[in-house]
């Protein structure tokens, strides 16, 4: 069985907005786009959940990548903060043993 060509994201947006505006039903939209009603329904659901980026990316994409980057930034920020505290402790410890440094005057 041959799969029909994918519908471009711009067309998906137009279809979903037409359905939401009441200009056509899901069944009509599926017939016109030559896709299943389930595909149109899934597109409508994804659009409502995540807007245009959800239709362009499918189930995975910018939303999940954005979340991964946010988690990574939070981890790196925490590590950087811990390193800064550790550096200050080492500097204070070195000052106590060696006297004040020339740069701290």
N, C-alpha and C. Protein backbone atom coordinates (compact mmCIF):
# COMPACT_ATOMS: atom_id res chain seq x y z
N UNK A 1 0.85 -1.18 0.00
CA UNK A 1 0.00 0.00 0.00
C UNK A 1 0.89 1.23 0.00
N UNK A 2 0.65 2.16 -0.90
CA UNK A 2 1.44 3.38 -1.04
C UNK A 2 0.86 4.46 -0.14
N UNK A 3 1.73 5.11 0.57
CA UNK A 3 1.31 6.18 1.47
C UNK A 3 1.19 7.49 0.69
N UNK A 4 0.12 8.25 0.90
CA UNK A 4 -0.02 9.52 0.18
C UNK A 4 1.05 10.51 0.63
N UNK A 5 1.37 11.47 -0.23
CA UNK A 5 2.39 12.45 0.14
C UNK A 5 1.99 13.25 1.37
N UNK A 6 2.98 13.66 2.12
CA UNK A 6 2.74 14.44 3.34
C UNK A 6 2.18 15.82 3.00
N UNK A 7 1.30 16.30 3.86
CA UNK A 7 0.71 17.62 3.68
C UNK A 7 1.66 18.64 4.30
N UNK A 8 2.03 19.69 3.57
CA UNK A 8 2.94 20.71 4.12
C UNK A 8 2.36 21.38 5.36
N UNK A 9 3.22 21.81 6.29
CA UNK A 9 2.73 22.43 7.53
C UNK A 9 1.80 23.62 7.29
N UNK A 10 2.06 24.44 6.28
CA UNK A 10 1.20 25.60 6.01
C UNK A 10 -0.22 25.16 5.65
N UNK A 11 -0.30 24.06 4.90
CA UNK A 11 -1.62 23.53 4.52
C UNK A 11 -2.32 22.94 5.74
N UNK A 12 -1.56 22.28 6.62
CA UNK A 12 -2.15 21.74 7.85
C UNK A 12 -2.74 22.86 8.70
N UNK A 13 -2.02 23.96 8.80
CA UNK A 13 -2.52 25.10 9.57
C UNK A 13 -3.81 25.62 8.96
N UNK A 14 -3.83 25.77 7.64
CA UNK A 14 -5.03 26.27 6.96
C UNK A 14 -6.22 25.33 7.21
N UNK A 15 -5.97 24.03 7.12
CA UNK A 15 -7.04 23.04 7.31
C UNK A 15 -7.58 23.13 8.74
N UNK A 16 -6.69 23.12 9.71
CA UNK A 16 -7.12 23.15 11.12
C UNK A 16 -7.87 24.44 11.42
N UNK A 17 -7.37 25.56 10.94
CA UNK A 17 -8.07 26.82 11.19
C UNK A 17 -9.45 26.85 10.53
N UNK A 18 -9.58 26.24 9.36
CA UNK A 18 -10.88 26.16 8.69
C UNK A 18 -11.85 25.32 9.51
N UNK A 19 -11.34 24.24 10.07
CA UNK A 19 -12.20 23.38 10.91
C UNK A 19 -12.61 24.14 12.17
N UNK A 20 -11.64 24.79 12.82
CA UNK A 20 -11.95 25.52 14.04
C UNK A 20 -12.90 26.69 13.79
N UNK A 21 -12.84 27.28 12.60
CA UNK A 21 -13.73 28.38 12.25
C UNK A 21 -15.12 27.89 11.85
N UNK A 22 -15.29 26.58 11.71
CA UNK A 22 -16.57 26.02 11.32
C UNK A 22 -16.84 26.07 9.83
N UNK A 23 -15.81 26.35 9.04
CA UNK A 23 -15.97 26.43 7.59
C UNK A 23 -16.11 25.06 6.95
N UNK A 24 -15.58 24.02 7.61
CA UNK A 24 -15.70 22.65 7.11
C UNK A 24 -15.56 21.68 8.27
N UNK A 25 -16.03 20.47 8.04
CA UNK A 25 -15.91 19.43 9.05
C UNK A 25 -14.59 18.69 8.88
N UNK A 26 -14.28 17.86 9.85
CA UNK A 26 -13.07 17.04 9.77
C UNK A 26 -13.16 16.12 8.55
N UNK A 27 -14.35 15.55 8.33
CA UNK A 27 -14.53 14.65 7.19
C UNK A 27 -14.30 15.38 5.86
N UNK A 28 -14.86 16.58 5.72
CA UNK A 28 -14.66 17.36 4.50
C UNK A 28 -13.18 17.69 4.29
N UNK A 29 -12.52 18.10 5.37
CA UNK A 29 -11.10 18.45 5.28
C UNK A 29 -10.27 17.24 4.87
N UNK A 30 -10.59 16.08 5.42
CA UNK A 30 -9.86 14.86 5.07
C UNK A 30 -10.04 14.52 3.60
N UNK A 31 -11.27 14.63 3.11
CA UNK A 31 -11.53 14.35 1.69
C UNK A 31 -10.76 15.31 0.78
N UNK A 32 -10.82 16.59 1.10
CA UNK A 32 -10.13 17.58 0.26
C UNK A 32 -8.61 17.40 0.26
N UNK A 33 -8.05 17.06 1.42
CA UNK A 33 -6.59 16.90 1.52
C UNK A 33 -6.14 15.50 1.13
N UNK A 34 -7.12 14.61 0.88
CA UNK A 34 -6.84 13.22 0.52
C UNK A 34 -6.02 12.50 1.59
N UNK A 35 -6.47 12.70 2.85
CA UNK A 35 -5.87 12.01 3.99
C UNK A 35 -7.00 11.45 4.85
N UNK A 36 -6.65 10.66 5.84
CA UNK A 36 -7.68 10.07 6.70
C UNK A 36 -8.23 11.10 7.68
N UNK A 37 -9.44 10.83 8.14
CA UNK A 37 -10.04 11.70 9.16
C UNK A 37 -9.19 11.66 10.42
N UNK A 38 -8.61 10.51 10.70
CA UNK A 38 -7.76 10.36 11.88
C UNK A 38 -6.54 11.30 11.78
N UNK A 39 -5.96 11.40 10.60
CA UNK A 39 -4.82 12.30 10.40
C UNK A 39 -5.21 13.75 10.67
N UNK A 40 -6.36 14.13 10.15
CA UNK A 40 -6.84 15.50 10.36
C UNK A 40 -7.13 15.73 11.84
N UNK A 41 -7.77 14.76 12.47
CA UNK A 41 -8.07 14.87 13.91
C UNK A 41 -6.80 14.96 14.74
N UNK A 42 -5.79 14.15 14.38
CA UNK A 42 -4.51 14.21 15.10
C UNK A 42 -3.84 15.57 14.91
N UNK A 43 -3.90 16.08 13.70
CA UNK A 43 -3.32 17.40 13.43
C UNK A 43 -4.02 18.49 14.21
N UNK A 44 -5.33 18.40 14.28
CA UNK A 44 -6.10 19.38 15.04
C UNK A 44 -5.73 19.31 16.52
N UNK A 45 -5.62 18.11 17.05
CA UNK A 45 -5.26 17.92 18.46
C UNK A 45 -3.87 18.49 18.74
N UNK A 46 -2.90 18.15 17.86
CA UNK A 46 -1.53 18.66 18.06
C UNK A 46 -1.49 20.18 17.97
N UNK A 47 -2.26 20.73 17.04
CA UNK A 47 -2.31 22.18 16.89
C UNK A 47 -2.84 22.83 18.16
N UNK A 48 -3.89 22.28 18.69
CA UNK A 48 -4.47 22.84 19.90
C UNK A 48 -3.52 22.69 21.09
N UNK A 49 -2.73 21.62 21.09
CA UNK A 49 -1.79 21.39 22.18
C UNK A 49 -0.55 22.28 22.07
N UNK A 50 -0.05 22.45 20.88
CA UNK A 50 1.22 23.17 20.78
C UNK A 50 1.31 24.15 19.62
N UNK A 51 0.22 24.45 18.98
CA UNK A 51 0.23 25.45 17.92
C UNK A 51 0.96 25.01 16.67
N UNK A 52 1.40 25.94 15.91
CA UNK A 52 2.03 25.68 14.62
C UNK A 52 3.25 24.78 14.72
N UNK A 53 4.07 24.96 15.74
CA UNK A 53 5.27 24.14 15.87
C UNK A 53 4.91 22.67 16.03
N UNK A 54 3.78 22.38 16.65
CA UNK A 54 3.35 21.00 16.79
C UNK A 54 3.00 20.36 15.45
N UNK A 55 2.40 21.13 14.56
CA UNK A 55 2.08 20.59 13.24
C UNK A 55 3.32 20.45 12.38
N UNK A 56 4.23 21.40 12.47
CA UNK A 56 5.43 21.35 11.65
C UNK A 56 6.36 20.24 12.09
N UNK A 57 6.41 19.97 13.38
CA UNK A 57 7.38 19.02 13.89
C UNK A 57 6.81 17.63 14.13
N UNK A 58 5.51 17.48 14.16
CA UNK A 58 4.95 16.19 14.49
C UNK A 58 4.99 15.98 16.00
N UNK A 59 5.15 14.74 16.40
CA UNK A 59 5.11 14.41 17.83
C UNK A 59 6.38 14.82 18.55
N UNK A 60 7.52 14.82 17.88
CA UNK A 60 8.76 15.25 18.52
C UNK A 60 9.31 16.41 17.74
N UNK A 61 10.03 17.25 18.38
CA UNK A 61 10.60 18.39 17.67
C UNK A 61 10.93 19.52 18.60
N UNK A 62 10.65 20.74 18.19
CA UNK A 62 11.07 21.89 18.98
C UNK A 62 10.62 21.85 20.43
N UNK A 63 9.43 21.37 20.68
CA UNK A 63 8.95 21.37 22.05
C UNK A 63 9.83 20.48 22.91
N UNK A 64 10.08 19.25 22.49
CA UNK A 64 10.91 18.36 23.29
C UNK A 64 12.36 18.82 23.28
N UNK A 65 12.86 19.33 22.17
CA UNK A 65 14.24 19.83 22.11
C UNK A 65 14.39 21.04 23.02
N UNK A 66 13.39 21.90 23.01
CA UNK A 66 13.42 23.09 23.88
C UNK A 66 13.50 22.66 25.34
N UNK A 67 12.73 21.65 25.69
CA UNK A 67 12.74 21.15 27.07
C UNK A 67 14.12 20.59 27.42
N UNK A 68 14.72 19.83 26.50
CA UNK A 68 16.05 19.28 26.73
C UNK A 68 17.07 20.39 26.98
N UNK A 69 17.01 21.44 26.19
CA UNK A 69 17.95 22.55 26.33
C UNK A 69 17.73 23.26 27.66
N UNK A 70 16.48 23.45 28.05
CA UNK A 70 16.20 24.10 29.34
C UNK A 70 16.76 23.29 30.50
N UNK A 71 16.61 21.97 30.44
CA UNK A 71 17.15 21.11 31.49
C UNK A 71 18.68 21.19 31.51
N UNK A 72 19.28 21.17 30.32
CA UNK A 72 20.73 21.26 30.23
C UNK A 72 21.24 22.61 30.77
N UNK A 73 20.56 23.70 30.45
CA UNK A 73 20.95 25.01 30.96
C UNK A 73 20.85 25.04 32.48
N UNK A 74 19.79 24.48 33.04
CA UNK A 74 19.63 24.45 34.49
C UNK A 74 20.76 23.65 35.14
N UNK A 75 21.11 22.50 34.56
CA UNK A 75 22.21 21.68 35.09
C UNK A 75 23.52 22.44 35.04
N UNK A 76 23.81 23.06 33.90
CA UNK A 76 25.07 23.79 33.75
C UNK A 76 25.12 25.01 34.68
N UNK A 77 24.01 25.68 34.88
CA UNK A 77 23.96 26.82 35.79
C UNK A 77 24.28 26.37 37.21
N UNK A 78 23.73 25.23 37.60
CA UNK A 78 23.99 24.69 38.94
C UNK A 78 25.47 24.33 39.09
N UNK A 79 26.03 23.65 38.10
CA UNK A 79 27.44 23.27 38.15
C UNK A 79 28.33 24.51 38.21
N UNK A 80 28.00 25.52 37.42
CA UNK A 80 28.78 26.76 37.42
C UNK A 80 28.72 27.43 38.79
N UNK A 81 27.55 27.47 39.38
CA UNK A 81 27.41 28.06 40.72
C UNK A 81 28.23 27.31 41.75
N UNK A 82 28.19 25.98 41.69
CA UNK A 82 28.98 25.17 42.62
C UNK A 82 30.48 25.41 42.42
N UNK A 83 30.92 25.54 41.17
CA UNK A 83 32.33 25.79 40.88
C UNK A 83 32.74 27.17 41.40
N UNK A 84 31.86 28.17 41.27
CA UNK A 84 32.17 29.51 41.76
C UNK A 84 32.33 29.50 43.28
N UNK A 85 31.46 28.79 43.97
CA UNK A 85 31.56 28.70 45.43
C UNK A 85 32.86 27.99 45.82
N UNK A 86 33.16 26.91 45.13
CA UNK A 86 34.39 26.17 45.41
C UNK A 86 35.62 27.04 45.18
N UNK A 87 35.62 27.83 44.13
CA UNK A 87 36.73 28.74 43.84
C UNK A 87 36.89 29.77 44.95
N UNK A 88 35.80 30.33 45.42
CA UNK A 88 35.87 31.31 46.52
C UNK A 88 36.44 30.68 47.78
N UNK A 89 36.01 29.45 48.07
CA UNK A 89 36.52 28.75 49.25
C UNK A 89 38.02 28.54 49.12
N UNK A 90 38.47 28.12 47.95
CA UNK A 90 39.90 27.90 47.72
C UNK A 90 40.67 29.22 47.84
N UNK A 91 40.14 30.30 47.31
CA UNK A 91 40.81 31.60 47.40
C UNK A 91 40.91 32.06 48.85
N UNK A 92 39.84 31.90 49.61
CA UNK A 92 39.86 32.30 51.02
C UNK A 92 40.85 31.44 51.80
N UNK A 93 40.87 30.17 51.49
CA UNK A 93 41.79 29.25 52.15
C UNK A 93 43.24 29.62 51.83
N UNK A 94 43.52 29.95 50.59
CA UNK A 94 44.87 30.33 50.17
C UNK A 94 45.27 31.65 50.82
N UNK A 95 44.35 32.60 50.96
CA UNK A 95 44.65 33.87 51.62
C UNK A 95 45.04 33.66 53.06
N UNK A 96 44.34 32.74 53.72
CA UNK A 96 44.62 32.47 55.12
C UNK A 96 46.01 31.88 55.32
N UNK A 97 46.47 31.07 54.40
CA UNK A 97 47.77 30.44 54.52
C UNK A 97 48.89 31.34 54.01
N UNK A 98 48.62 32.13 52.98
CA UNK A 98 49.67 32.90 52.33
C UNK A 98 49.59 34.40 52.61
N UNK A 99 48.60 34.81 53.35
CA UNK A 99 48.40 36.24 53.54
C UNK A 99 47.58 36.79 52.38
N UNK A 100 47.23 38.07 52.42
CA UNK A 100 46.42 38.65 51.34
C UNK A 100 47.17 38.63 50.01
N UNK A 101 46.45 38.35 48.95
CA UNK A 101 47.07 38.33 47.64
C UNK A 101 47.24 39.73 47.11
N UNK A 102 48.12 39.89 46.14
CA UNK A 102 48.35 41.21 45.57
C UNK A 102 47.14 41.72 44.81
N UNK A 103 46.36 40.80 44.25
CA UNK A 103 45.19 41.22 43.45
C UNK A 103 44.00 41.61 44.30
N UNK A 104 43.99 41.26 45.58
CA UNK A 104 42.82 41.56 46.40
C UNK A 104 42.91 42.94 47.05
N UNK A 105 43.98 43.68 46.83
CA UNK A 105 44.14 45.02 47.41
C UNK A 105 43.39 46.05 46.67
